[in-house]
Protein backbone atom coordinates (compact mmCIF):
# COMPACT_ATOMS: atom_id res chain seq x y z
CA MET A 1 -3.94 -22.25 -21.28
CA LYS A 2 -4.72 -24.32 -24.40
CA GLU A 3 -2.07 -26.86 -23.39
CA LYS A 4 -3.60 -27.23 -19.92
CA ILE A 5 -7.05 -27.77 -21.41
CA GLN A 6 -5.65 -30.47 -23.72
CA ILE A 7 -3.94 -32.23 -20.79
CA LEU A 8 -7.24 -32.13 -18.87
CA ARG A 9 -9.20 -33.55 -21.81
CA LYS A 10 -6.82 -36.51 -22.07
CA LYS A 11 -7.96 -37.56 -18.58
CA PHE A 12 -11.67 -37.78 -19.55
CA LYS A 13 -11.42 -41.35 -20.89
CA LYS A 14 -9.59 -42.59 -17.78
CA TYR A 15 -12.35 -41.32 -15.48
CA GLY A 16 -15.28 -42.11 -17.79
CA ILE A 17 -16.50 -38.53 -18.21
CA ASN A 18 -17.49 -36.26 -21.10
CA GLY A 19 -16.49 -33.05 -19.34
CA TYR A 20 -15.18 -31.50 -16.15
CA ILE A 21 -16.60 -28.67 -14.02
CA VAL A 22 -14.23 -26.15 -12.44
CA PRO A 23 -15.62 -23.65 -9.88
CA LYS A 24 -13.95 -20.47 -8.65
CA ASN A 25 -14.12 -21.50 -4.99
CA ASP A 26 -11.69 -23.67 -3.06
CA ASP A 27 -12.85 -26.40 -0.66
CA TYR A 28 -13.64 -23.75 2.00
CA PHE A 29 -15.91 -21.79 -0.39
CA THR A 30 -14.12 -18.54 0.43
CA GLU A 31 -14.24 -15.62 -1.99
CA TYR A 32 -10.52 -14.92 -1.83
CA SER A 33 -8.30 -17.96 -1.90
CA ARG A 34 -4.67 -18.73 -2.63
CA THR A 35 -5.99 -21.65 -4.68
CA ASN A 36 -7.60 -20.52 -7.96
CA ARG A 37 -8.16 -23.50 -10.22
CA LEU A 38 -10.60 -21.53 -12.41
CA LYS A 39 -7.86 -19.05 -13.32
CA ILE A 40 -5.40 -21.87 -14.04
CA ILE A 41 -7.69 -23.43 -16.64
CA SER A 42 -9.41 -20.31 -18.08
CA ASN A 43 -7.23 -17.28 -17.22
CA PHE A 44 -10.38 -15.67 -15.76
CA SER A 45 -9.55 -13.88 -12.49
CA GLY A 46 -13.02 -12.67 -11.43
CA SER A 47 -14.52 -13.58 -8.05
CA ALA A 48 -17.51 -15.49 -9.45
CA GLY A 49 -17.43 -18.12 -12.17
CA ILE A 50 -17.78 -21.76 -13.20
CA ALA A 51 -16.02 -23.33 -16.18
CA VAL A 52 -17.22 -26.44 -17.99
CA ILE A 53 -14.58 -28.13 -20.14
CA LEU A 54 -15.97 -30.53 -22.75
CA LYS A 55 -14.16 -32.59 -25.41
CA ASN A 56 -14.64 -29.98 -28.12
CA LYS A 57 -16.00 -26.88 -26.39
CA ASN A 58 -15.36 -24.75 -23.30
CA TYR A 59 -17.92 -22.66 -21.40
CA LEU A 60 -17.45 -19.99 -18.73
CA PHE A 61 -20.43 -18.90 -16.67
CA THR A 62 -20.20 -15.62 -14.74
CA ASP A 63 -22.35 -12.60 -13.88
CA GLY A 64 -22.92 -9.05 -15.19
CA ARG A 65 -20.01 -7.60 -13.21
CA TYR A 66 -17.57 -9.51 -15.38
CA THR A 67 -19.11 -9.23 -18.85
CA ILE A 68 -16.16 -7.26 -20.26
CA GLN A 69 -13.43 -8.76 -18.09
CA SER A 70 -14.34 -12.37 -18.92
CA GLN A 71 -14.24 -11.62 -22.65
CA ILE A 72 -10.78 -10.07 -22.33
CA GLU A 73 -9.29 -12.81 -20.13
CA ALA A 74 -11.01 -15.99 -21.35
CA GLY A 75 -13.03 -15.06 -24.43
CA LYS A 76 -10.63 -16.56 -26.98
CA ASN A 77 -10.94 -20.06 -25.58
CA PHE A 78 -14.33 -20.01 -23.81
CA LYS A 79 -17.89 -19.18 -24.72
CA ILE A 80 -19.04 -16.67 -22.05
CA ILE A 81 -22.57 -17.14 -20.70
CA ASN A 82 -24.40 -15.37 -17.86
CA PHE A 83 -25.03 -17.41 -14.70
CA GLU A 84 -28.77 -16.87 -15.05
CA LYS A 85 -28.86 -19.07 -18.16
CA LEU A 86 -27.10 -21.97 -16.44
CA LYS A 87 -30.25 -23.03 -14.56
CA ASN A 88 -32.15 -23.87 -17.73
CA CYS A 89 -29.15 -24.83 -19.82
CA ASN A 90 -29.41 -27.73 -22.31
CA LEU A 91 -25.78 -27.59 -23.39
CA PHE A 92 -24.80 -30.64 -21.33
CA LYS A 93 -27.71 -32.94 -22.16
CA ASN A 94 -26.92 -36.65 -21.74
CA LEU A 95 -23.32 -35.90 -20.73
CA ILE A 96 -21.39 -37.29 -17.76
CA LEU A 97 -19.65 -34.38 -16.02
CA GLY A 98 -16.90 -34.94 -13.46
CA ILE A 99 -16.52 -32.88 -10.28
CA ASP A 100 -14.39 -32.72 -7.16
CA PRO A 101 -16.94 -33.38 -4.35
CA LYS A 102 -14.94 -31.15 -1.97
CA LEU A 103 -15.69 -28.11 -4.19
CA PHE A 104 -19.46 -28.44 -4.60
CA THR A 105 -22.53 -28.72 -2.45
CA TYR A 106 -25.45 -30.95 -3.36
CA ASN A 107 -27.49 -27.76 -3.52
CA GLN A 108 -25.24 -26.32 -6.26
CA ILE A 109 -25.31 -29.50 -8.31
CA LYS A 110 -29.10 -29.81 -8.10
CA LYS A 111 -29.52 -26.15 -8.99
CA PHE A 112 -27.27 -26.08 -12.04
CA PHE A 113 -26.29 -29.50 -13.38
CA LEU A 114 -28.72 -32.31 -12.68
CA LYS A 115 -31.45 -31.51 -15.18
CA ASN A 116 -30.22 -33.27 -18.33
CA ASN A 117 -26.91 -34.82 -17.37
CA LYS A 118 -25.13 -37.10 -14.89
CA ILE A 119 -22.53 -36.08 -12.29
CA LYS A 120 -19.58 -38.28 -11.41
CA PHE A 121 -17.59 -37.69 -8.21
CA ILE A 122 -13.82 -37.85 -8.71
CA LYS A 123 -11.68 -37.96 -5.57
CA LYS A 124 -8.61 -36.46 -7.24
CA ASN A 125 -8.88 -32.85 -8.40
CA LEU A 126 -8.00 -32.96 -12.08
CA ILE A 127 -6.83 -29.34 -12.23
CA ASP A 128 -4.30 -30.12 -9.49
CA GLU A 129 -3.06 -32.95 -11.68
CA VAL A 130 -2.66 -30.52 -14.57
CA GLN A 131 -0.78 -27.95 -12.49
CA LYS A 132 0.49 -28.53 -8.95
CA GLN A 133 0.15 -25.54 -6.61
CA LYS A 134 2.53 -24.83 -3.76
CA ILE A 135 0.52 -23.33 -0.91
CA ASN A 136 1.75 -22.66 2.62
CA ASN A 137 -1.05 -24.12 4.71
CA SER A 138 0.71 -24.12 8.06
CA LEU A 139 0.42 -20.48 9.18
CA PRO A 140 -1.03 -20.49 12.72
CA PHE A 141 -4.39 -19.04 13.78
CA PHE A 142 -4.54 -16.21 16.30
CA SER A 143 -7.16 -15.02 18.80
CA LEU A 144 -8.74 -11.59 19.28
CA LYS A 145 -9.28 -9.93 22.64
CA LYS A 146 -12.70 -8.86 23.88
CA ASN A 147 -11.84 -5.15 23.50
CA ILE A 148 -11.67 -5.85 19.75
CA VAL A 149 -14.66 -8.18 19.25
CA GLY A 150 -16.95 -7.07 22.08
CA GLU A 151 -18.53 -10.48 22.78
CA SER A 152 -17.12 -13.65 24.33
CA THR A 153 -17.06 -17.04 22.64
CA ASN A 154 -19.19 -18.45 25.45
CA SER A 155 -21.92 -15.88 24.75
CA LYS A 156 -21.91 -16.83 21.07
CA LEU A 157 -22.00 -20.56 21.88
CA ASN A 158 -25.05 -19.96 24.07
CA LYS A 159 -26.87 -18.59 21.01
CA ILE A 160 -25.86 -21.58 18.86
CA SER A 161 -26.83 -24.01 21.65
CA ASN A 162 -30.28 -22.43 21.93
CA TYR A 163 -30.65 -22.75 18.17
CA LEU A 164 -29.82 -26.47 18.35
CA LYS A 165 -32.32 -27.06 21.15
CA LYS A 166 -35.00 -25.17 19.23
CA ASN A 167 -34.39 -27.36 16.18
CA LYS A 168 -34.15 -30.57 18.28
CA SER A 169 -30.67 -31.32 17.03
CA ASP A 170 -27.60 -32.74 18.71
CA TYR A 171 -24.94 -31.05 16.56
CA ILE A 172 -24.34 -28.36 13.98
CA PHE A 173 -21.55 -28.38 11.40
CA ILE A 174 -20.12 -24.89 10.87
CA SER A 175 -18.57 -25.33 7.43
CA ALA A 176 -17.85 -21.67 6.55
CA PRO A 177 -14.47 -20.62 8.04
CA GLU A 178 -15.57 -16.99 8.46
CA ASN A 179 -18.32 -18.25 10.78
CA VAL A 180 -15.81 -20.34 12.74
CA ALA A 181 -13.71 -17.17 13.06
CA TRP A 182 -16.65 -15.21 14.46
CA ILE A 183 -17.77 -17.86 16.97
CA LEU A 184 -14.32 -18.58 18.40
CA ASN A 185 -13.01 -14.98 18.07
CA ILE A 186 -10.07 -16.22 16.03
CA ARG A 187 -8.54 -15.20 12.73
CA GLY A 188 -6.03 -16.73 10.33
CA LYS A 189 -3.66 -16.05 7.46
CA ASP A 190 -4.99 -18.50 4.90
CA GLY A 191 -6.49 -16.02 2.45
CA PRO A 192 -4.83 -13.20 0.52
CA ASN A 193 -7.32 -10.48 1.51
CA SER A 194 -9.30 -11.80 4.48
CA PRO A 195 -8.04 -12.97 7.89
CA ILE A 196 -9.73 -16.32 7.38
CA PRO A 197 -8.75 -19.37 9.50
CA ASN A 198 -9.29 -22.32 7.15
CA SER A 199 -11.15 -24.60 9.52
CA ARG A 200 -14.51 -26.09 10.35
CA LEU A 201 -16.36 -26.50 13.61
CA ILE A 202 -18.77 -28.93 15.27
CA ILE A 203 -20.90 -27.60 18.15
CA ASP A 204 -23.18 -29.79 20.24
CA LYS A 205 -26.30 -28.72 22.11
CA LYS A 206 -24.34 -28.56 25.38
CA LYS A 207 -21.83 -26.06 23.85
CA LYS A 208 -19.05 -28.58 23.46
CA ILE A 209 -16.90 -27.78 20.41
CA PHE A 210 -14.63 -29.65 18.00
CA LEU A 211 -12.36 -27.49 15.83
CA ILE A 212 -11.44 -29.26 12.58
CA SER A 213 -8.12 -28.19 11.13
CA THR A 214 -4.42 -29.13 11.35
CA LEU A 215 -2.22 -29.21 14.44
CA LYS A 216 0.24 -26.61 13.11
CA LYS A 217 -2.51 -24.09 12.56
CA CYS A 218 -3.91 -24.53 16.06
CA LYS A 219 -0.70 -24.45 18.11
CA ASN A 220 -1.24 -20.83 19.23
CA LEU A 221 -4.82 -21.64 20.27
CA PHE A 222 -3.56 -24.51 22.46
CA LYS A 223 -0.81 -22.30 23.90
CA ASN A 224 -3.26 -19.50 24.80
CA LYS A 225 -5.91 -21.97 26.03
CA ILE A 226 -8.48 -20.90 23.45
CA ILE A 227 -9.15 -24.60 22.85
CA ASN A 228 -7.76 -27.78 24.40
CA SER A 229 -6.74 -31.11 22.87
CA ASN A 230 -10.18 -32.60 23.49
CA GLU A 231 -11.72 -29.88 21.35
CA PHE A 232 -9.58 -30.53 18.29
CA ILE A 233 -10.04 -32.94 15.35
CA ASP A 234 -7.34 -33.30 12.73
CA ILE A 235 -8.85 -32.83 9.27
CA ASN A 236 -7.51 -36.19 8.11
CA GLU A 237 -9.13 -37.95 11.07
CA PHE A 238 -12.57 -36.43 10.51
CA PRO A 239 -14.22 -39.51 8.91
CA ARG A 240 -13.09 -41.68 11.84
CA GLU A 241 -13.90 -39.13 14.57
CA ILE A 242 -17.41 -38.44 13.30
CA LEU A 243 -18.29 -42.09 14.01
CA ARG A 244 -17.39 -41.64 17.70
CA LEU A 245 -19.93 -38.87 18.27
CA LYS A 246 -23.17 -39.90 19.93
CA GLY A 247 -26.55 -38.57 18.92
CA LYS A 248 -29.11 -38.61 16.13
CA ASN A 249 -29.67 -35.26 14.38
CA PHE A 250 -26.96 -33.16 12.71
CA ILE A 251 -27.58 -29.72 11.19
CA ILE A 252 -25.63 -28.73 8.09
CA ASP A 253 -25.89 -25.70 5.81
CA ASP A 254 -26.18 -27.05 2.28
CA ASN A 255 -24.96 -23.75 0.86
CA SER A 256 -21.51 -24.18 2.40
CA CYS A 257 -21.19 -27.86 3.38
CA SER A 258 -19.54 -29.76 0.54
CA ILE A 259 -20.74 -33.06 -0.85
CA PHE A 260 -17.62 -34.67 0.63
CA PHE A 261 -18.43 -33.65 4.22
CA GLU A 262 -22.17 -34.18 3.89
CA ASN A 263 -21.58 -37.77 2.81
CA ILE A 264 -19.33 -38.42 5.82
CA ILE A 265 -21.81 -36.94 8.30
CA LYS A 266 -24.86 -38.71 6.88
CA SER A 267 -23.08 -42.07 7.14
CA LYS A 268 -23.74 -41.82 10.91
CA PHE A 269 -26.39 -39.12 11.49
CA ARG A 270 -29.75 -37.93 10.27
CA ILE A 271 -29.07 -34.74 8.32
CA ILE A 272 -31.17 -31.63 8.93
CA LYS A 273 -30.55 -28.89 6.37
CA ARG A 274 -30.80 -25.37 7.77
CA GLU A 275 -29.07 -22.10 7.03
CA ASP A 276 -26.17 -21.58 9.43
CA PRO A 277 -27.55 -19.10 12.04
CA THR A 278 -24.06 -17.61 12.40
CA TYR A 279 -24.54 -15.61 9.18
CA TYR A 280 -27.35 -13.61 10.79
CA LEU A 281 -25.69 -13.41 14.20
CA LYS A 282 -22.41 -11.97 12.90
CA ALA A 283 -24.24 -9.58 10.54
CA ILE A 284 -25.45 -7.64 13.60
CA LYS A 285 -22.37 -5.81 14.85
CA ASN A 286 -22.17 -4.93 18.55
CA LYS A 287 -21.20 -1.50 19.89
CA THR A 288 -17.53 -2.45 20.26
CA GLU A 289 -17.34 -3.66 16.66
CA ILE A 290 -19.02 -0.49 15.36
CA ASP A 291 -16.73 1.76 17.43
CA ASN A 292 -13.68 -0.11 16.16
CA MET A 293 -14.92 0.10 12.58
CA LYS A 294 -15.15 3.87 13.03
CA LYS A 295 -11.47 3.90 14.09
CA ALA A 296 -10.51 1.87 11.02
CA HIS A 297 -12.35 4.31 8.76
CA VAL A 298 -10.55 7.30 10.23
CA PHE A 299 -7.24 5.56 9.41
CA ASP A 300 -8.48 4.67 5.94
CA GLY A 301 -10.00 8.09 5.31
CA VAL A 302 -6.66 9.76 6.00
CA ALA A 303 -4.87 7.47 3.53
CA LEU A 304 -7.47 7.89 0.80
CA THR A 305 -7.72 11.67 1.21
CA LYS A 306 -3.93 12.00 0.99
CA PHE A 307 -4.04 9.84 -2.13
CA ILE A 308 -6.79 11.86 -3.83
CA TYR A 309 -4.95 15.11 -3.11
CA TRP A 310 -1.73 13.60 -4.45
CA ILE A 311 -3.19 12.23 -7.68
CA LYS A 312 -5.12 15.41 -8.46
CA ASN A 313 -2.04 17.59 -8.02
CA ILE A 314 0.82 15.50 -9.43
CA ASN A 315 2.06 15.64 -13.02
CA LYS A 316 0.50 12.50 -14.49
CA LYS A 317 2.43 12.30 -17.76
CA LYS A 318 4.16 9.13 -16.60
CA ILE A 319 1.82 7.92 -13.84
CA THR A 320 0.25 4.54 -14.64
CA GLU A 321 -2.72 2.84 -13.01
CA VAL A 322 -0.28 0.51 -11.22
CA ASP A 323 1.74 3.51 -9.98
CA ALA A 324 -1.47 4.98 -8.58
CA GLN A 325 -2.56 1.84 -6.72
CA ASN A 326 0.95 1.37 -5.33
CA LYS A 327 0.93 4.96 -4.05
CA LEU A 328 -2.42 4.38 -2.35
CA ALA A 329 -0.99 1.24 -0.74
CA LYS A 330 1.95 3.30 0.61
CA PHE A 331 -0.43 5.81 2.19
CA ARG A 332 -2.32 2.96 3.88
CA LYS A 333 0.90 1.34 5.11
CA MET A 334 1.80 4.55 6.92
CA ASN A 335 -0.76 3.49 9.57
CA LYS A 336 0.65 0.97 12.06
CA TYR A 337 -2.71 -0.84 12.34
CA PHE A 338 -2.97 -1.53 8.60
CA LEU A 339 -2.39 -5.20 7.71
CA TYR A 340 -3.15 -5.68 4.00
CA PRO A 341 -5.79 -4.78 1.35
CA SER A 342 -9.30 -6.18 1.86
CA PHE A 343 -9.34 -6.97 -1.89
CA ASP A 344 -7.17 -6.26 -4.90
CA THR A 345 -7.42 -2.56 -5.73
CA ILE A 346 -9.40 -1.57 -8.81
CA ALA A 347 -7.64 1.40 -10.44
CA GLY A 348 -9.17 2.06 -13.86
CA SER A 349 -8.50 5.10 -15.98
CA GLY A 350 -10.76 5.99 -18.92
CA LYS A 351 -12.12 2.90 -20.69
CA ASN A 352 -10.66 0.58 -18.01
CA GLY A 353 -12.98 2.19 -15.47
CA ALA A 354 -15.89 0.60 -17.36
CA ILE A 355 -14.61 -2.87 -16.39
CA VAL A 356 -16.38 -3.25 -13.05
CA HIS A 357 -13.70 -5.44 -11.41
CA TYR A 358 -10.70 -4.32 -13.47
CA ARG A 359 -7.19 -5.27 -12.33
CA ALA A 360 -4.27 -3.16 -13.51
CA LYS A 361 -1.08 -5.12 -14.24
CA LYS A 362 2.43 -3.70 -14.54
CA ASN A 363 2.97 -4.91 -18.10
CA ASN A 364 -0.54 -4.11 -19.29
CA CYS A 365 -2.03 -0.89 -17.88
CA ARG A 366 -2.76 2.66 -18.99
CA ILE A 367 -0.95 5.89 -18.26
CA ILE A 368 -3.47 8.08 -16.46
CA ASN A 369 -4.67 10.70 -18.89
CA ASN A 370 -5.69 14.12 -17.58
CA LYS A 371 -8.67 14.10 -19.93
CA ASP A 372 -10.01 10.79 -18.57
CA ILE A 373 -11.87 10.13 -15.35
CA PHE A 374 -10.29 7.69 -12.93
CA LEU A 375 -12.17 5.08 -10.88
CA CYS A 376 -10.47 3.72 -7.77
CA ASP A 377 -12.12 1.02 -5.64
CA SER A 378 -10.03 -0.16 -2.71
CA GLY A 379 -10.09 -1.18 0.93
CA GLY A 380 -7.99 -2.29 3.84
CA GLN A 381 -7.88 -4.81 6.65
CA TYR A 382 -6.94 -3.03 9.86
CA LYS A 383 -6.59 -4.35 13.39
CA TYR A 384 -9.87 -2.53 14.11
CA GLY A 385 -11.91 -3.46 11.06
CA THR A 386 -12.47 -3.77 7.33
CA THR A 387 -12.90 -0.92 4.81
CA ASP A 388 -14.15 -0.65 1.23
CA VAL A 389 -14.47 2.64 -0.66
CA THR A 390 -14.76 3.83 -4.27
CA ARG A 391 -14.06 7.30 -5.60
CA THR A 392 -14.29 8.56 -9.17
CA ILE A 393 -11.84 11.39 -9.84
CA CYS A 394 -11.34 13.89 -12.66
CA PHE A 395 -8.26 15.96 -13.51
CA SER A 396 -9.63 18.50 -15.97
CA LYS A 397 -12.98 20.01 -16.86
CA PRO A 398 -15.24 17.04 -17.64
CA LYS A 399 -17.89 16.90 -20.34
CA GLN A 400 -21.31 18.07 -19.21
CA SER A 401 -22.81 14.70 -20.12
CA ILE A 402 -20.39 12.92 -17.77
CA LYS A 403 -21.09 15.42 -14.98
CA ASN A 404 -24.82 14.80 -15.40
CA ILE A 405 -24.39 11.03 -15.14
CA PHE A 406 -22.07 11.33 -12.14
CA THR A 407 -24.62 13.58 -10.44
CA LYS A 408 -27.42 11.06 -11.05
CA VAL A 409 -25.24 8.36 -9.49
CA LEU A 410 -24.56 10.70 -6.56
CA LYS A 411 -28.28 11.40 -6.13
CA GLY A 412 -28.88 7.64 -5.94
CA HIS A 413 -26.03 7.31 -3.44
CA ILE A 414 -27.55 10.01 -1.23
CA ALA A 415 -31.03 8.48 -1.61
CA VAL A 416 -29.74 5.19 -0.16
CA THR A 417 -28.04 6.82 2.83
CA THR A 418 -31.11 8.92 3.64
CA THR A 419 -33.56 5.99 3.41
CA ASN A 420 -36.31 5.93 6.03
CA LEU A 421 -35.58 2.44 7.35
CA LYS A 422 -38.87 2.20 9.21
CA LYS A 423 -40.63 2.54 5.88
CA ASP A 424 -38.22 0.72 3.54
CA SER A 425 -36.03 -1.80 5.33
CA ILE A 426 -35.66 -4.48 2.65
CA GLY A 427 -32.57 -4.46 0.44
CA LYS A 428 -34.69 -4.86 -2.68
CA LYS A 429 -36.69 -1.68 -1.96
CA ILE A 430 -33.61 0.37 -1.10
CA ASP A 431 -32.00 -0.71 -4.37
CA THR A 432 -34.77 0.98 -6.38
CA ARG A 433 -33.94 4.28 -4.67
CA ALA A 434 -30.35 4.07 -5.89
CA ARG A 435 -31.32 3.48 -9.53
CA LYS A 436 -34.23 5.94 -9.70
CA PHE A 437 -32.37 8.91 -11.16
CA LEU A 438 -30.34 6.90 -13.68
CA LYS A 439 -33.48 5.16 -14.91
CA GLN A 440 -35.03 8.56 -15.68
CA SER A 441 -32.43 8.68 -18.47
CA ASN A 442 -32.80 4.96 -19.32
CA LEU A 443 -29.48 4.17 -17.64
CA ASP A 444 -28.62 1.40 -15.16
CA TYR A 445 -25.77 -0.74 -13.82
CA ALA A 446 -25.31 -4.52 -13.79
CA HIS A 447 -24.32 -5.05 -10.15
CA GLY A 448 -25.99 -4.75 -6.77
CA THR A 449 -26.04 -1.43 -4.98
CA GLY A 450 -24.53 -2.74 -1.79
CA HIS A 451 -23.16 -5.79 0.00
CA GLY A 452 -22.78 -6.67 3.65
CA VAL A 453 -19.35 -6.14 5.20
CA GLY A 454 -17.65 -8.17 7.90
CA PHE A 455 -15.82 -6.97 10.99
CA PHE A 456 -12.15 -7.68 10.37
CA LEU A 457 -13.36 -10.49 8.14
CA ASN A 458 -14.66 -10.77 4.59
CA VAL A 459 -15.25 -7.50 2.78
CA HIS A 460 -18.29 -9.19 1.18
CA GLU A 461 -20.67 -10.71 3.71
CA GLY A 462 -24.28 -11.88 3.74
CA PRO A 463 -27.12 -12.30 4.25
CA GLN A 464 -27.85 -8.58 3.96
CA SER A 465 -27.35 -6.67 0.73
CA ILE A 466 -28.90 -3.88 -1.32
CA SER A 467 -29.85 -5.50 -4.60
CA LYS A 468 -32.75 -6.18 -6.94
CA ILE A 469 -33.45 -9.59 -5.37
CA ASN A 470 -32.45 -9.36 -1.69
CA LYS A 471 -35.38 -9.55 0.74
CA VAL A 472 -33.43 -9.67 4.02
CA LYS A 473 -34.58 -7.03 6.47
CA ILE A 474 -31.94 -4.42 7.24
CA LYS A 475 -31.48 -4.30 11.03
CA GLU A 476 -29.65 -2.18 13.59
CA GLY A 477 -25.93 -2.98 13.68
CA MET A 478 -25.63 -4.18 10.08
CA ILE A 479 -22.89 -2.75 7.89
CA LEU A 480 -23.35 -2.43 4.13
CA SER A 481 -21.73 -0.76 1.17
CA ASN A 482 -23.56 1.91 -0.80
CA GLU A 483 -22.13 1.90 -4.32
CA PRO A 484 -24.33 2.82 -7.28
CA GLY A 485 -22.51 3.39 -10.55
CA TYR A 486 -22.64 3.63 -14.32
CA TYR A 487 -20.33 2.14 -16.96
CA LYS A 488 -20.03 3.07 -20.62
CA LYS A 489 -18.11 0.36 -22.48
CA ASN A 490 -14.74 1.48 -23.87
CA LYS A 491 -15.32 4.99 -22.50
CA PHE A 492 -15.50 5.39 -18.69
CA GLY A 493 -16.76 4.08 -15.39
CA ILE A 494 -18.41 5.90 -12.48
CA ARG A 495 -18.97 4.56 -8.98
CA ILE A 496 -19.37 6.24 -5.58
CA GLU A 497 -19.04 3.91 -2.60
CA ASN A 498 -19.24 4.49 1.14
CA LEU A 499 -19.71 1.97 3.92
CA ILE A 500 -22.76 2.67 6.05
CA TYR A 501 -24.14 1.12 9.22
CA VAL A 502 -27.61 0.95 10.70
CA LYS A 503 -27.98 3.15 13.76
CA LYS A 504 -30.86 3.57 16.19
CA LYS A 505 -31.35 6.79 18.12
CA ASN A 506 -34.45 8.27 19.77
CA GLN A 507 -36.59 5.45 18.35
CA LYS A 508 -35.39 6.32 14.85
CA ILE A 509 -33.48 3.82 12.72
CA PHE A 510 -31.28 5.13 9.92
CA PHE A 511 -28.03 4.75 7.97
CA GLU A 512 -24.88 6.48 9.19
CA ASN A 513 -21.71 6.84 7.10
CA LEU A 514 -18.52 5.10 8.16
CA THR A 515 -16.39 6.17 5.18
CA LEU A 516 -14.50 9.43 5.56
CA ALA A 517 -13.19 10.64 2.20
CA PRO A 518 -14.20 13.55 -0.07
CA ILE A 519 -16.52 13.03 -3.05
CA GLU A 520 -15.28 14.58 -6.30
CA LYS A 521 -16.96 18.01 -6.47
CA ASP A 522 -15.60 18.77 -9.96
CA LEU A 523 -17.82 16.02 -11.38
CA ILE A 524 -21.02 17.35 -9.82
CA ASN A 525 -23.64 19.36 -11.70
CA PHE A 526 -24.97 21.20 -8.67
CA LYS A 527 -27.96 22.44 -10.67
CA LEU A 528 -29.33 18.88 -10.60
CA LEU A 529 -29.16 18.65 -6.79
CA THR A 530 -31.98 19.61 -4.47
CA SER A 531 -31.32 21.84 -1.46
CA GLU A 532 -31.59 18.73 0.74
CA GLU A 533 -28.96 16.91 -1.30
CA LYS A 534 -26.63 19.92 -1.19
CA ASN A 535 -27.10 20.10 2.56
CA TYR A 536 -26.31 16.38 2.83
CA LEU A 537 -23.03 16.89 0.94
CA PHE A 538 -22.12 19.87 3.15
CA LYS A 539 -22.72 17.88 6.35
CA TYR A 540 -20.90 14.84 4.96
CA HIS A 541 -17.77 16.79 4.08
CA LEU A 542 -17.90 18.70 7.36
CA ASN A 543 -17.88 15.34 9.15
CA VAL A 544 -14.96 14.15 7.01
CA TYR A 545 -12.99 17.29 7.81
CA SER A 546 -13.79 17.12 11.53
CA ASN A 547 -12.54 13.54 11.80
CA ILE A 548 -9.40 13.46 9.68
CA SER A 549 -8.09 17.02 9.12
CA ARG A 550 -5.76 16.86 12.14
CA PHE A 551 -3.86 14.01 10.44
CA LEU A 552 -3.24 15.96 7.21
CA ASN A 553 -0.54 18.45 6.31
CA LEU A 554 -1.40 22.12 5.77
CA LYS A 555 -1.89 21.89 1.98
CA GLU A 556 -4.04 18.76 2.26
CA ARG A 557 -6.10 20.31 5.04
CA LYS A 558 -6.69 23.52 3.08
CA TRP A 559 -7.75 21.52 0.02
CA LEU A 560 -10.13 19.33 2.04
CA ALA A 561 -11.71 22.45 3.58
CA SER A 562 -12.72 23.58 0.07
CA PHE A 563 -15.31 20.76 -0.01
CA ILE A 564 -17.30 22.34 2.83
């Protein structure tokens, strides 16, 4: 890493800069990418971060989820600072900082870096010059049938067209590939954990489309008549093709449209900056999507339940964290509709469980100790949907103090699921319910309580979330995670996560569980639960048993029945 930083610094004079900014994202701003320049230069593997390399100092900005992880991975060569401090940061006063304009939006630059310094656009990515990456970018896109997605592309284009007419605009630039995927009912193989089709899309007010990608990626779409040749623009021809479009006003989302593309569009059109309406449209899942997500969670529940039974009953003298996550992967692969994990599994035993986004590696992981508690956060991409679930597991009689904390986390988890959504329908308000019982003991956790989840798309999806700052109204059809936790540094981690969706029945709107896996009863202090909370647990486990028991063997089924 030090050598790479030195090579990078040698380029500063050539480009007339005092430092270089390296974000986590690639030029599609996706969470999971095969291109990770931040890791190349800093060794930090978290999902959120920005590095600033100066002549004599290196800084890494990240959030509370990665406080421990960033210190372990990058702390020797970087000063770690929370994102929140970047906004009012004076560390880069009077400096010229270089960036790749394909990797930043004007909004990001204005927010973080334009207060006391200058930004210089550099066409070549300097990290790519330090280390070339071989990426297969030619894997073709594929389309999804209506029985999977539940809504036609034409129906979705009608909604976008109406939005354009309402905003008196001729075109909209869909710069987020997950939104392109949703509109066109297509998926791709460009990301390691999400079926993302790396592409962009132009839609005009008359519903005409232009898919921006490469010919190799789109060959299946041509073959199956999803798009035709007149609806395709090669990515390299974009600057030329944009000049041929007629009109005046062009909507872009400045949270996902890079400086590079914004500059090209505004050379011909008047830019109108609006949030891409697709985020809100795809957040509301239709009946078909919900029904398919239920199928995916039955598949996933079977795999996870088999795994929990296995790990609680096997001799763990030689079982490592990596062994455990590999075993869970094998259980998932037993289902023919399973494709790949929705994110890299977090399998942390003992002190590693306190690292919120821990990644066990073969040459550097713990043997699972019977005396420790084990945190496992994992998920899958299935043909029918996306899953994400966390369970905290014990193997021997836990300390009373740990049971009490786990129970407080569980009480918060139940409080979220049982929220009266007519009364409290804002993510910010729901978040307080999750933390209530921990805060009674002056305890808390440094991450949000829940994130939105995509349908056979990104496991993390906005605009909805359950967090201290989110003010988006939770609506029928939305899917979120419910994952309060607690982490004691160098000791243990606790998290309980289910996916939930918003259901409406008999004029009532409420959360319904999607996840079907048992919650560790040996970690519960039942004396701290109310009769309502005990009844909730009974009904939850009864539902789990009813849905997945027929797929289990006799021993697994008998064990699962003990939770009821």
